[in-house]
Amino acid sequence: MRRILLSLAGIALLALPAATSAGAAGGKPGFLVVRNAQGDGGLYGPPVVTLVVQGFVLGRASQEARVEIYQLPSAGGGGGSTAVGLDVSKAVVHWRRFTGTRYSGSAFRFRAIGGAYRVVVRGSGVSLFAGGHGTVVLHGSSVYRAADGAYAIGGRAFRSLPARPLDLPIGRG
């Protein structure tokens, strides 16, 4: 776990310019860390993380997961999303009027850097790090509350994922 967090922190330093450009939009950018997220229903259950952010998202799925990434219109434009791993498949998905990419499998890494994104994560064994301005809806397991993962926002202490959907801001603006 420590290796994962150190890797994500190192990648975050490379993504700092994206967070800085997000900060130029107004207000102070914030950060979100999610460790080993797990929800009810697996790949077809409710999302464990639904994130809308102007900035960046870096993550890893160690177990079976499905991640949908939609690039939203932003003033800076640019950016993009990718995923790498031996067991990852890619498909085109639609949400409202936006087209995105769904990555599914296990043992893969994903990222969305330099723009505005909507990221929806289902499954288990997902860790992610996000920075910028936006909102997140977190939803852990209602059955296995002690083993559903943890989250921290803005450098605060880690807390267990909530059993009911919880909507929180990231950054100040």
C-alpha atoms as a PDB file:
ATOM      1  CA  MET A   1       0.000   0.000   0.000  1.00  0.00           C
ATOM      2  CA  ARG A   2       2.845   2.355   0.853  1.00  0.00           C
ATOM      3  CA  ARG A   3       4.341   1.726  -2.605  1.00  0.00           C
ATOM      4  CA  ILE A   4       1.053   2.634  -4.257  1.00  0.00           C
ATOM      5  CA  LEU A   5       0.753   5.887  -2.339  1.00  0.00           C
ATOM      6  CA  LEU A   6       4.381   6.814  -3.034  1.00  0.00           C
ATOM      7  CA  SER A   7       3.864   6.083  -6.741  1.00  0.00           C
ATOM      8  CA  LEU A   8       0.713   8.194  -6.808  1.00  0.00           C
ATOM      9  CA  ALA A   9       2.480  11.019  -4.973  1.00  0.00           C
ATOM     10  CA  GLY A  10       5.358  10.925  -7.473  1.00  0.00           C
ATOM     11  CA  ILE A  11       2.976  11.038 -10.407  1.00  0.00           C
ATOM     12  CA  ALA A  12       1.091  13.860  -8.712  1.00  0.00           C
ATOM     13  CA  LEU A  13       4.259  15.947  -8.692  1.00  0.00           C
ATOM     14  CA  LEU A  14       4.446  15.469 -12.443  1.00  0.00           C
ATOM     15  CA  ALA A  15       0.807  16.514 -12.709  1.00  0.00           C
ATOM     16  CA  LEU A  16       1.254  19.627 -10.565  1.00  0.00           C
ATOM     17  CA  PRO A  17       1.087  21.981 -13.574  1.00  0.00           C
ATOM     18  CA  ALA A  18      -2.458  20.716 -14.247  1.00  0.00           C
ATOM     19  CA  ALA A  19      -3.459  21.491 -10.667  1.00  0.00           C
ATOM     20  CA  THR A  20      -1.807  24.897 -10.919  1.00  0.00           C
ATOM     21  CA  SER A  21      -3.783  25.727 -14.050  1.00  0.00           C
ATOM     22  CA  ALA A  22      -6.916  24.597 -12.216  1.00  0.00           C
ATOM     23  CA  GLY A  23      -5.954  26.993  -9.419  1.00  0.00           C
ATOM     24  CA  ALA A  24      -5.684  29.818 -11.924  1.00  0.00           C
ATOM     25  CA  ALA A  25      -9.442  29.415 -12.503  1.00  0.00           C
ATOM     26  CA  GLY A  26     -10.003  30.864  -9.014  1.00  0.00           C
ATOM     27  CA  GLY A  27      -9.705  29.662  -5.447  1.00  0.00           C
ATOM     28  CA  LYS A  28      -7.365  27.173  -3.870  1.00  0.00           C
ATOM     29  CA  PRO A  29      -7.119  23.687  -5.427  1.00  0.00           C
ATOM     30  CA  GLY A  30      -7.784  20.724  -3.182  1.00  0.00           C
ATOM     31  CA  PHE A  31      -6.778  17.079  -3.128  1.00  0.00           C
ATOM     32  CA  LEU A  32      -8.605  13.780  -2.685  1.00  0.00           C
ATOM     33  CA  VAL A  33      -7.030  10.419  -1.821  1.00  0.00           C
ATOM     34  CA  VAL A  34      -9.020   7.170  -1.891  1.00  0.00           C
ATOM     35  CA  ARG A  35      -7.405   3.904  -0.736  1.00  0.00           C
ATOM     36  CA  ASN A  36      -8.661   0.413  -1.592  1.00  0.00           C
ATOM     37  CA  ALA A  37     -12.256   1.493  -2.365  1.00  0.00           C
ATOM     38  CA  GLN A  38     -14.857  -1.246  -2.407  1.00  0.00           C
ATOM     39  CA  GLY A  39     -18.614  -1.024  -2.737  1.00  0.00           C
ATOM     40  CA  ASP A  40     -21.651  -3.274  -2.846  1.00  0.00           C
ATOM     41  CA  GLY A  41     -22.525  -4.990  -6.114  1.00  0.00           C
ATOM     42  CA  GLY A  42     -19.069  -5.149  -7.718  1.00  0.00           C
ATOM     43  CA  LEU A  43     -18.799  -3.960 -11.318  1.00  0.00           C
ATOM     44  CA  TYR A  44     -22.557  -3.549 -11.716  1.00  0.00           C
ATOM     45  CA  GLY A  45     -23.345  -1.996  -8.348  1.00  0.00           C
ATOM     46  CA  PRO A  46     -23.439   1.673  -7.421  1.00  0.00           C
ATOM     47  CA  PRO A  47     -20.248   3.696  -7.998  1.00  0.00           C
ATOM     48  CA  VAL A  48     -17.805   3.865  -5.078  1.00  0.00           C
ATOM     49  CA  VAL A  49     -16.449   7.169  -6.410  1.00  0.00           C
ATOM     50  CA  THR A  50     -18.095   9.690  -8.744  1.00  0.00           C
ATOM     51  CA  LEU A  51     -15.744  12.608  -9.249  1.00  0.00           C
ATOM     52  CA  VAL A  52     -16.158  15.815 -11.255  1.00  0.00           C
ATOM     53  CA  VAL A  53     -12.929  17.793 -11.214  1.00  0.00           C
ATOM     54  CA  GLN A  54     -11.036  20.489 -13.096  1.00  0.00           C
ATOM     55  CA  GLY A  55      -7.452  19.262 -12.645  1.00  0.00           C
ATOM     56  CA  PHE A  56      -6.191  15.678 -12.633  1.00  0.00           C
ATOM     57  CA  VAL A  57      -7.046  12.129 -11.543  1.00  0.00           C
ATOM     58  CA  LEU A  58      -4.523   9.297 -11.130  1.00  0.00           C
ATOM     59  CA  GLY A  59      -5.567   5.826 -10.066  1.00  0.00           C
ATOM     60  CA  ARG A  60      -4.989   2.102  -9.884  1.00  0.00           C
ATOM     61  CA  ALA A  61      -7.334  -0.871  -9.849  1.00  0.00           C
ATOM     62  CA  SER A  62      -5.734  -3.865  -8.121  1.00  0.00           C
ATOM     63  CA  GLN A  63      -8.880  -6.006  -8.297  1.00  0.00           C
ATOM     64  CA  GLU A  64     -11.793  -6.111 -10.734  1.00  0.00           C
ATOM     65  CA  ALA A  65     -12.988  -2.579 -11.529  1.00  0.00           C
ATOM     66  CA  ARG A  66     -14.723  -0.475 -14.152  1.00  0.00           C
ATOM     67  CA  VAL A  67     -13.708   3.172 -14.616  1.00  0.00           C
ATOM     68  CA  GLU A  68     -15.584   5.579 -16.885  1.00  0.00           C
ATOM     69  CA  ILE A  69     -13.834   8.841 -17.793  1.00  0.00           C
ATOM     70  CA  TYR A  70     -15.644  11.673 -19.579  1.00  0.00           C
ATOM     71  CA  GLN A  71     -13.731  14.773 -20.633  1.00  0.00           C
ATOM     72  CA  LEU A  72     -15.892  17.839 -19.987  1.00  0.00           C
ATOM     73  CA  PRO A  73     -15.568  21.238 -21.664  1.00  0.00           C
ATOM     74  CA  SER A  74     -13.067  23.506 -19.931  1.00  0.00           C
ATOM     75  CA  ALA A  75     -11.484  26.903 -20.523  1.00  0.00           C
ATOM     76  CA  GLY A  76      -8.003  25.394 -20.863  1.00  0.00           C
ATOM     77  CA  GLY A  77      -9.113  22.531 -23.116  1.00  0.00           C
ATOM     78  CA  GLY A  78      -6.503  19.885 -23.865  1.00  0.00           C
ATOM     79  CA  GLY A  79      -5.840  16.953 -21.610  1.00  0.00           C
ATOM     80  CA  GLY A  80      -6.857  13.368 -22.071  1.00  0.00           C
ATOM     81  CA  SER A  81      -7.256  10.016 -20.381  1.00  0.00           C
ATOM     82  CA  THR A  82      -5.350   6.744 -20.655  1.00  0.00           C
ATOM     83  CA  ALA A  83      -5.141   3.366 -18.957  1.00  0.00           C
ATOM     84  CA  VAL A  84      -2.394   0.750 -19.024  1.00  0.00           C
ATOM     85  CA  GLY A  85      -2.250  -2.825 -17.810  1.00  0.00           C
ATOM     86  CA  LEU A  86      -2.182  -6.420 -18.974  1.00  0.00           C
ATOM     87  CA  ASP A  87      -5.868  -7.027 -18.230  1.00  0.00           C
ATOM     88  CA  VAL A  88      -7.638  -3.824 -19.268  1.00  0.00           C
ATOM     89  CA  SER A  89     -10.261  -3.391 -21.971  1.00  0.00           C
ATOM     90  CA  LYS A  90     -11.450  -0.137 -23.467  1.00  0.00           C
ATOM     91  CA  ALA A  91     -14.917   0.826 -24.765  1.00  0.00           C
ATOM     92  CA  VAL A  92     -16.740   3.990 -25.802  1.00  0.00           C
ATOM     93  CA  VAL A  93     -19.539   5.073 -23.421  1.00  0.00           C
ATOM     94  CA  HIS A  94     -22.055   7.909 -23.377  1.00  0.00           C
ATOM     95  CA  TRP A  95     -23.408   9.996 -20.493  1.00  0.00           C
ATOM     96  CA  ARG A  96     -25.882  12.748 -21.306  1.00  0.00           C
ATOM     97  CA  ARG A  97     -24.340  14.467 -24.339  1.00  0.00           C
ATOM     98  CA  PHE A  98     -20.745  13.513 -23.513  1.00  0.00           C
ATOM     99  CA  THR A  99     -18.725  10.663 -24.961  1.00  0.00           C
ATOM    100  CA  GLY A 100     -16.188   8.953 -22.731  1.00  0.00           C
ATOM    101  CA  THR A 101     -14.069   5.873 -22.337  1.00  0.00           C
ATOM    102  CA  ARG A 102     -14.764   2.895 -20.083  1.00  0.00           C
ATOM    103  CA  TYR A 103     -11.732   0.965 -18.856  1.00  0.00           C
ATOM    104  CA  SER A 104     -12.434  -2.371 -17.205  1.00  0.00           C
ATOM    105  CA  GLY A 105     -10.348  -5.249 -15.907  1.00  0.00           C
ATOM    106  CA  SER A 106      -7.966  -5.792 -13.044  1.00  0.00           C
ATOM    107  CA  ALA A 107      -4.415  -4.703 -12.240  1.00  0.00           C
ATOM    108  CA  PHE A 108      -4.453  -1.547 -14.366  1.00  0.00           C
ATOM    109  CA  ARG A 109      -3.583   2.123 -13.901  1.00  0.00           C
ATOM    110  CA  PHE A 110      -5.580   5.045 -15.250  1.00  0.00           C
ATOM    111  CA  ARG A 111      -5.148   8.795 -15.482  1.00  0.00           C
ATOM    112  CA  ALA A 112      -6.903  11.929 -16.686  1.00  0.00           C
ATOM    113  CA  ILE A 113      -4.706  15.010 -16.681  1.00  0.00           C
ATOM    114  CA  GLY A 114      -5.109  18.624 -17.785  1.00  0.00           C
ATOM    115  CA  GLY A 115      -8.794  19.412 -18.150  1.00  0.00           C
ATOM    116  CA  ALA A 116     -12.211  18.887 -16.648  1.00  0.00           C
ATOM    117  CA  TYR A 117     -13.385  15.312 -16.097  1.00  0.00           C
ATOM    118  CA  ARG A 118     -16.214  13.191 -14.761  1.00  0.00           C
ATOM    119  CA  VAL A 119     -14.797   9.919 -13.426  1.00  0.00           C
ATOM    120  CA  VAL A 120     -17.087   7.093 -12.273  1.00  0.00           C
ATOM    121  CA  VAL A 121     -15.492   4.108 -10.486  1.00  0.00           C
ATOM    122  CA  ARG A 122     -17.217   0.788  -9.745  1.00  0.00           C
ATOM    123  CA  GLY A 123     -15.749  -2.419  -8.333  1.00  0.00           C
ATOM    124  CA  SER A 124     -13.139  -3.041  -5.674  1.00  0.00           C
ATOM    125  CA  GLY A 125      -9.460  -2.544  -4.969  1.00  0.00           C
ATOM    126  CA  VAL A 126      -9.380   0.975  -6.419  1.00  0.00           C
ATOM    127  CA  SER A 127      -7.025   3.673  -5.155  1.00  0.00           C
ATOM    128  CA  LEU A 128      -6.946   7.157  -6.626  1.00  0.00           C
ATOM    129  CA  PHE A 129      -5.473  10.610  -6.162  1.00  0.00           C
ATOM    130  CA  ALA A 130      -7.158  13.715  -7.581  1.00  0.00           C
ATOM    131  CA  GLY A 131      -6.351  17.404  -7.431  1.00  0.00           C
ATOM    132  CA  GLY A 132      -8.021  20.612  -8.509  1.00  0.00           C
ATOM    133  CA  HIS A 133     -11.541  22.007  -8.065  1.00  0.00           C
ATOM    134  CA  GLY A 134     -14.724  19.987  -8.084  1.00  0.00           C
ATOM    135  CA  THR A 135     -16.965  17.607  -6.190  1.00  0.00           C
ATOM    136  CA  VAL A 136     -16.910  13.945  -5.263  1.00  0.00           C
ATOM    137  CA  VAL A 137     -19.619  11.490  -4.261  1.00  0.00           C
ATOM    138  CA  LEU A 138     -18.242   8.619  -2.155  1.00  0.00           C
ATOM    139  CA  HIS A 139     -20.159   5.416  -1.393  1.00  0.00           C
ATOM    140  CA  GLY A 140     -18.603   2.419   0.356  1.00  0.00           C
ATOM    141  CA  SER A 141     -20.092  -0.894   1.348  1.00  0.00           C
ATOM    142  CA  SER A 142     -23.181  -1.035   3.516  1.00  0.00           C
ATOM    143  CA  VAL A 143     -22.352  -4.637   4.475  1.00  0.00           C
ATOM    144  CA  TYR A 144     -18.561  -4.621   5.041  1.00  0.00           C
ATOM    145  CA  ARG A 145     -18.112  -1.170   6.564  1.00  0.00           C
ATOM    146  CA  ALA A 146     -14.722  -1.905   8.150  1.00  0.00           C
ATOM    147  CA  ALA A 147     -13.192  -3.201   4.887  1.00  0.00           C
ATOM    148  CA  ASP A 148     -14.593  -0.840   2.252  1.00  0.00           C
ATOM    149  CA  GLY A 149     -11.595   1.479   1.941  1.00  0.00           C
ATOM    150  CA  ALA A 150     -10.762   4.957   3.170  1.00  0.00           C
ATOM    151  CA  TYR A 151     -10.670   8.532   1.888  1.00  0.00           C
ATOM    152  CA  ALA A 152      -9.033  11.831   2.826  1.00  0.00           C
ATOM    153  CA  ILE A 153      -9.709  15.314   1.464  1.00  0.00           C
ATOM    154  CA  GLY A 154      -7.344  18.257   1.768  1.00  0.00           C
ATOM    155  CA  GLY A 155      -4.774  16.469   3.925  1.00  0.00           C
ATOM    156  CA  ARG A 156      -7.213  15.563   6.678  1.00  0.00           C
ATOM    157  CA  ALA A 157      -7.143  12.169   8.431  1.00  0.00           C
ATOM    158  CA  PHE A 158      -8.372   9.105   6.546  1.00  0.00           C
ATOM    159  CA  ARG A 159     -11.957   8.009   7.188  1.00  0.00           C
ATOM    160  CA  SER A 160     -13.851   4.886   6.160  1.00  0.00           C
ATOM    161  CA  LEU A 161     -15.961   5.264   3.033  1.00  0.00           C
ATOM    162  CA  PRO A 162     -19.556   6.111   3.974  1.00  0.00           C
ATOM    163  CA  ALA A 163     -22.320   3.480   3.823  1.00  0.00           C
ATOM    164  CA  ARG A 164     -24.613   6.009   2.081  1.00  0.00           C
ATOM    165  CA  PRO A 165     -23.594   8.371  -0.754  1.00  0.00           C
ATOM    166  CA  LEU A 166     -21.760  11.418   0.579  1.00  0.00           C
ATOM    167  CA  ASP A 167     -21.235  14.511  -1.611  1.00  0.00           C
ATOM    168  CA  LEU A 168     -18.148  16.625  -0.776  1.00  0.00           C
ATOM    169  CA  PRO A 169     -16.334  19.588  -2.375  1.00  0.00           C
ATOM    170  CA  ILE A 170     -12.693  19.469  -3.471  1.00  0.00           C
ATOM    171  CA  GLY A 171     -10.797  22.738  -3.289  1.00  0.00           C
ATOM    172  CA  ARG A 172     -12.148  26.176  -2.546  1.00  0.00           C
ATOM    173  CA  GLY A 173     -13.427  28.664  -5.014  1.00  0.00           C
END
